[in-house]
N, C-alpha and C. Protein backbone atom coordinates (compact mmCIF):
# COMPACT_ATOMS: atom_id res chain seq x y z
N MET A 1 -92.50 -56.53 -129.92
CA MET A 1 -93.27 -56.99 -128.85
C MET A 1 -94.78 -56.89 -129.08
N THR A 2 -95.47 -57.87 -128.64
CA THR A 2 -96.96 -57.92 -128.74
C THR A 2 -97.56 -57.48 -127.36
N SER A 3 -98.57 -56.70 -127.44
CA SER A 3 -99.23 -56.28 -126.23
C SER A 3 -100.34 -57.23 -125.92
N VAL A 4 -100.44 -57.85 -124.65
CA VAL A 4 -101.46 -58.85 -124.41
C VAL A 4 -102.40 -58.08 -123.34
N ARG A 5 -103.56 -57.91 -123.76
CA ARG A 5 -104.65 -57.30 -122.81
C ARG A 5 -105.16 -58.46 -121.91
N ILE A 6 -105.04 -58.11 -120.65
CA ILE A 6 -105.48 -59.14 -119.64
C ILE A 6 -106.76 -58.66 -119.06
N PRO A 7 -107.88 -59.56 -119.16
CA PRO A 7 -109.18 -59.18 -118.67
C PRO A 7 -109.17 -59.27 -117.11
N PRO A 8 -110.08 -58.57 -116.39
CA PRO A 8 -110.04 -58.54 -114.95
C PRO A 8 -109.99 -59.98 -114.30
N VAL A 9 -110.70 -60.98 -114.93
CA VAL A 9 -110.83 -62.33 -114.37
C VAL A 9 -109.46 -62.96 -114.33
N LEU A 10 -108.49 -62.60 -115.14
CA LEU A 10 -107.18 -63.10 -115.11
C LEU A 10 -106.07 -62.34 -114.46
N ARG A 11 -106.39 -61.10 -114.01
CA ARG A 11 -105.38 -60.23 -113.50
C ARG A 11 -104.76 -60.68 -112.12
N GLN A 12 -105.51 -61.45 -111.47
CA GLN A 12 -104.88 -61.94 -110.21
C GLN A 12 -103.64 -62.78 -110.53
N SER A 13 -103.59 -63.41 -111.72
CA SER A 13 -102.48 -64.16 -112.14
C SER A 13 -101.36 -63.43 -112.64
N THR A 14 -101.48 -62.12 -112.93
CA THR A 14 -100.37 -61.30 -113.53
C THR A 14 -100.07 -60.10 -112.56
N GLY A 15 -100.38 -60.21 -111.29
CA GLY A 15 -100.08 -59.17 -110.41
C GLY A 15 -100.85 -57.91 -110.55
N GLY A 16 -102.08 -58.08 -111.18
CA GLY A 16 -103.00 -56.96 -111.35
C GLY A 16 -102.75 -56.29 -112.65
N ALA A 17 -101.75 -56.69 -113.47
CA ALA A 17 -101.43 -56.05 -114.77
C ALA A 17 -102.59 -56.13 -115.73
N LYS A 18 -102.96 -55.01 -116.44
CA LYS A 18 -104.00 -54.94 -117.42
C LYS A 18 -103.51 -55.24 -118.78
N ARG A 19 -102.23 -55.01 -118.98
CA ARG A 19 -101.54 -55.09 -120.27
C ARG A 19 -100.09 -55.54 -120.04
N ILE A 20 -99.68 -56.52 -120.78
CA ILE A 20 -98.33 -57.02 -120.67
C ILE A 20 -97.66 -57.07 -122.04
N GLU A 21 -96.46 -56.60 -122.24
CA GLU A 21 -95.67 -56.66 -123.43
C GLU A 21 -94.85 -57.95 -123.43
N VAL A 22 -95.01 -58.81 -124.38
CA VAL A 22 -94.31 -60.06 -124.46
C VAL A 22 -93.82 -60.30 -125.92
N SER A 23 -92.85 -61.14 -126.04
CA SER A 23 -92.22 -61.36 -127.39
C SER A 23 -92.75 -62.67 -127.93
N GLY A 24 -92.65 -62.85 -129.21
CA GLY A 24 -93.05 -64.13 -129.78
C GLY A 24 -93.38 -63.80 -131.17
N SER A 25 -93.07 -64.69 -132.19
CA SER A 25 -93.37 -64.49 -133.60
C SER A 25 -94.59 -65.06 -134.06
N THR A 26 -95.27 -65.79 -133.13
CA THR A 26 -96.66 -66.38 -133.39
C THR A 26 -97.54 -66.21 -132.10
N VAL A 27 -98.85 -66.28 -132.28
CA VAL A 27 -99.65 -66.24 -131.20
C VAL A 27 -99.33 -67.33 -130.11
N GLY A 28 -99.00 -68.45 -130.55
CA GLY A 28 -98.60 -69.51 -129.66
C GLY A 28 -97.44 -69.12 -128.86
N GLU A 29 -96.38 -68.55 -129.48
CA GLU A 29 -95.11 -68.13 -128.83
C GLU A 29 -95.39 -66.97 -127.85
N VAL A 30 -96.33 -66.11 -128.23
CA VAL A 30 -96.69 -64.91 -127.37
C VAL A 30 -97.33 -65.56 -126.08
N ILE A 31 -98.26 -66.52 -126.16
CA ILE A 31 -98.89 -67.10 -125.03
C ILE A 31 -97.81 -67.86 -124.23
N GLU A 32 -96.91 -68.60 -124.89
CA GLU A 32 -95.87 -69.28 -124.12
C GLU A 32 -95.08 -68.26 -123.32
N SER A 33 -94.71 -67.14 -123.88
CA SER A 33 -93.88 -66.10 -123.17
C SER A 33 -94.70 -65.48 -122.05
N LEU A 34 -96.03 -65.33 -122.21
CA LEU A 34 -96.84 -64.84 -121.19
C LEU A 34 -96.86 -65.93 -119.99
N VAL A 35 -97.12 -67.16 -120.28
CA VAL A 35 -97.16 -68.12 -119.23
C VAL A 35 -95.74 -68.29 -118.58
N ALA A 36 -94.63 -68.09 -119.32
CA ALA A 36 -93.34 -68.22 -118.71
C ALA A 36 -93.10 -67.10 -117.66
N ALA A 37 -93.67 -65.90 -118.09
CA ALA A 37 -93.55 -64.75 -117.17
C ALA A 37 -94.48 -64.76 -115.97
N HIS A 38 -95.67 -65.38 -116.15
CA HIS A 38 -96.73 -65.49 -115.17
C HIS A 38 -97.31 -66.85 -115.14
N PRO A 39 -96.57 -67.78 -114.57
CA PRO A 39 -96.98 -69.21 -114.50
C PRO A 39 -98.34 -69.51 -113.99
N GLY A 40 -98.78 -68.63 -113.12
CA GLY A 40 -100.12 -68.87 -112.44
C GLY A 40 -101.25 -68.69 -113.38
N ILE A 41 -101.04 -68.18 -114.55
CA ILE A 41 -102.12 -67.94 -115.53
C ILE A 41 -102.28 -69.21 -116.35
N ALA A 42 -101.28 -70.14 -116.38
CA ALA A 42 -101.37 -71.30 -117.17
C ALA A 42 -102.70 -72.17 -117.02
N PRO A 43 -103.08 -72.48 -115.82
CA PRO A 43 -104.25 -73.35 -115.67
C PRO A 43 -105.51 -72.66 -116.23
N GLN A 44 -105.51 -71.36 -116.31
CA GLN A 44 -106.69 -70.67 -116.86
C GLN A 44 -106.65 -70.61 -118.37
N LEU A 45 -105.49 -70.73 -118.95
CA LEU A 45 -105.36 -70.64 -120.36
C LEU A 45 -105.21 -71.97 -121.09
N LEU A 46 -104.51 -72.88 -120.42
CA LEU A 46 -104.07 -74.10 -121.11
C LEU A 46 -104.79 -75.31 -120.62
N ASP A 47 -104.96 -76.26 -121.52
CA ASP A 47 -105.58 -77.53 -121.09
C ASP A 47 -104.40 -78.55 -120.61
N GLY A 48 -104.87 -79.76 -120.24
CA GLY A 48 -103.97 -80.65 -119.69
C GLY A 48 -102.71 -80.99 -120.60
N SER A 49 -102.89 -80.86 -121.86
CA SER A 49 -101.76 -81.22 -122.87
C SER A 49 -100.97 -79.96 -123.24
N GLY A 50 -101.22 -78.83 -122.61
CA GLY A 50 -100.49 -77.66 -122.98
C GLY A 50 -101.09 -76.84 -124.04
N GLY A 51 -102.18 -77.33 -124.66
CA GLY A 51 -102.87 -76.54 -125.76
C GLY A 51 -103.69 -75.50 -125.10
N LEU A 52 -104.26 -74.65 -126.03
CA LEU A 52 -105.08 -73.61 -125.48
C LEU A 52 -106.43 -74.15 -125.12
N ASN A 53 -106.88 -73.85 -123.96
CA ASN A 53 -108.22 -74.27 -123.42
C ASN A 53 -109.29 -73.94 -124.41
N ARG A 54 -110.24 -74.77 -124.73
CA ARG A 54 -111.23 -74.44 -125.64
C ARG A 54 -112.20 -73.36 -125.23
N PHE A 55 -112.24 -73.04 -123.97
CA PHE A 55 -113.12 -72.03 -123.37
C PHE A 55 -112.46 -70.62 -123.40
N VAL A 56 -111.29 -70.50 -123.97
CA VAL A 56 -110.58 -69.24 -124.02
C VAL A 56 -110.60 -68.83 -125.50
N ASN A 57 -111.15 -67.63 -125.68
CA ASN A 57 -111.13 -66.88 -126.99
C ASN A 57 -109.98 -66.04 -127.04
N VAL A 58 -109.26 -66.03 -128.26
CA VAL A 58 -108.15 -65.16 -128.43
C VAL A 58 -108.31 -64.38 -129.70
N PHE A 59 -108.06 -63.10 -129.55
CA PHE A 59 -108.22 -62.14 -130.74
C PHE A 59 -106.86 -61.52 -130.93
N LEU A 60 -106.50 -61.43 -132.24
CA LEU A 60 -105.32 -60.73 -132.55
C LEU A 60 -105.75 -59.55 -133.43
N ASN A 61 -105.57 -58.28 -132.88
CA ASN A 61 -106.01 -57.11 -133.57
C ASN A 61 -107.45 -57.15 -133.91
N GLU A 62 -108.33 -57.67 -132.98
CA GLU A 62 -109.78 -57.68 -133.14
C GLU A 62 -110.28 -58.83 -133.99
N THR A 63 -109.39 -59.66 -134.56
CA THR A 63 -109.81 -60.93 -135.31
C THR A 63 -109.61 -62.19 -134.48
N ASP A 64 -110.65 -63.02 -134.43
CA ASP A 64 -110.56 -64.29 -133.67
C ASP A 64 -109.50 -65.12 -134.42
N ILE A 65 -108.55 -65.57 -133.63
CA ILE A 65 -107.47 -66.45 -134.28
C ILE A 65 -107.96 -67.64 -134.89
N ARG A 66 -109.16 -68.13 -134.53
CA ARG A 66 -109.76 -69.32 -135.23
C ARG A 66 -109.96 -69.03 -136.64
N HIS A 67 -110.11 -67.76 -137.04
CA HIS A 67 -110.43 -67.37 -138.48
C HIS A 67 -109.07 -66.99 -139.17
N LEU A 68 -108.02 -67.14 -138.47
CA LEU A 68 -106.70 -66.93 -139.06
C LEU A 68 -105.92 -68.29 -139.07
N GLN A 69 -104.74 -68.27 -138.49
CA GLN A 69 -103.96 -69.54 -138.50
C GLN A 69 -103.85 -70.12 -137.05
N ALA A 70 -104.84 -69.80 -136.28
CA ALA A 70 -104.92 -70.22 -134.82
C ALA A 70 -103.62 -69.90 -134.15
N LEU A 71 -102.99 -70.80 -133.38
CA LEU A 71 -101.77 -70.52 -132.61
C LEU A 71 -100.60 -70.26 -133.45
N GLU A 72 -100.70 -70.63 -134.79
CA GLU A 72 -99.60 -70.46 -135.71
C GLU A 72 -99.65 -69.08 -136.38
N THR A 73 -100.66 -68.30 -136.08
CA THR A 73 -100.83 -66.89 -136.62
C THR A 73 -99.65 -66.05 -136.32
N PRO A 74 -98.94 -65.45 -137.37
CA PRO A 74 -97.82 -64.64 -137.11
C PRO A 74 -98.16 -63.36 -136.27
N THR A 75 -97.29 -62.93 -135.46
CA THR A 75 -97.45 -61.70 -134.80
C THR A 75 -96.33 -60.68 -135.24
N ALA A 76 -96.69 -59.37 -134.97
CA ALA A 76 -95.68 -58.37 -135.36
C ALA A 76 -95.66 -57.30 -134.29
N ASP A 77 -94.59 -56.55 -134.25
CA ASP A 77 -94.52 -55.41 -133.27
C ASP A 77 -95.78 -54.56 -133.28
N ASN A 78 -96.23 -54.11 -132.16
CA ASN A 78 -97.39 -53.30 -132.06
C ASN A 78 -98.71 -54.09 -132.27
N ASP A 79 -98.72 -55.37 -132.39
CA ASP A 79 -99.94 -56.14 -132.37
C ASP A 79 -100.55 -56.13 -131.02
N THR A 80 -101.84 -56.40 -130.92
CA THR A 80 -102.49 -56.51 -129.68
C THR A 80 -103.26 -57.85 -129.68
N LEU A 81 -103.00 -58.64 -128.58
CA LEU A 81 -103.64 -59.96 -128.40
C LEU A 81 -104.65 -59.84 -127.19
N VAL A 82 -105.84 -60.16 -127.37
CA VAL A 82 -106.76 -60.09 -126.26
C VAL A 82 -107.19 -61.45 -125.89
N LEU A 83 -107.15 -61.78 -124.58
CA LEU A 83 -107.56 -63.13 -124.05
C LEU A 83 -108.92 -62.92 -123.44
N LEU A 84 -109.86 -63.71 -123.92
CA LEU A 84 -111.28 -63.70 -123.30
C LEU A 84 -111.74 -65.04 -122.93
N PRO A 85 -111.53 -65.43 -121.61
CA PRO A 85 -112.15 -66.63 -121.14
C PRO A 85 -113.66 -66.59 -121.16
N ALA A 86 -114.27 -67.71 -121.52
CA ALA A 86 -115.72 -67.71 -121.59
C ALA A 86 -116.29 -67.69 -120.16
N MET A 87 -117.31 -66.91 -119.90
CA MET A 87 -117.86 -66.78 -118.68
C MET A 87 -119.19 -67.54 -118.62
N ALA A 88 -119.56 -68.23 -117.51
CA ALA A 88 -120.72 -68.91 -117.35
C ALA A 88 -121.46 -68.56 -116.07
N GLY A 89 -122.67 -68.76 -116.05
CA GLY A 89 -123.37 -68.37 -114.76
C GLY A 89 -124.74 -68.04 -115.00
N GLY A 90 -125.43 -67.55 -113.94
CA GLY A 90 -126.78 -67.17 -114.12
C GLY A 90 -127.66 -67.91 -113.08
N SER A 91 -128.90 -67.76 -113.20
CA SER A 91 -129.90 -68.30 -112.31
C SER A 91 -130.17 -69.72 -112.69
N ALA A 92 -130.25 -70.56 -111.69
CA ALA A 92 -130.65 -71.97 -111.86
C ALA A 92 -132.17 -72.16 -112.04
N GLY A 93 -132.90 -71.12 -111.60
CA GLY A 93 -134.41 -71.18 -111.70
C GLY A 93 -134.92 -70.49 -112.88
N PRO A 94 -136.23 -70.56 -112.99
CA PRO A 94 -136.84 -69.82 -114.10
C PRO A 94 -136.61 -68.38 -114.16
N ALA A 95 -136.64 -67.77 -115.31
CA ALA A 95 -136.29 -66.28 -115.38
C ALA A 95 -137.35 -65.48 -114.72
N ASP A 96 -136.96 -64.42 -114.04
CA ASP A 96 -137.92 -63.51 -113.47
C ASP A 96 -138.52 -62.65 -114.50
N HIS A 97 -139.79 -62.39 -114.39
CA HIS A 97 -140.42 -61.55 -115.40
C HIS A 97 -140.98 -60.29 -114.67
C-alpha cells in the first residue's frame, strides 16, 4: 500500500483524513484508488478528461513525479505520495511597505 498525504485544503473531501493508505502499482493507479474511495476529491485533482490537473503537484518520496515517469511511475509498499495543489492569492493592490 502507498500512503497518500492529504494537505489541509483537500481534507474536506476525505472526511478530514490527513493520510490515506491506498493500493496501486503506479502513481496513476494510486490516484485512481484514492478517487474511487473519496469521489469528492476528483474535481480538485483531475481535469475534464480525467488526467491530473496541471495545478496539482505530486511527489513520490519527495521527488516530483514530473522528474520520474509521471503517472506511470511505479510505486511500492511503504512509498509516500504527497499531493500539493497550487495555491494562489494575495493583494490586488500595490505591496505595502
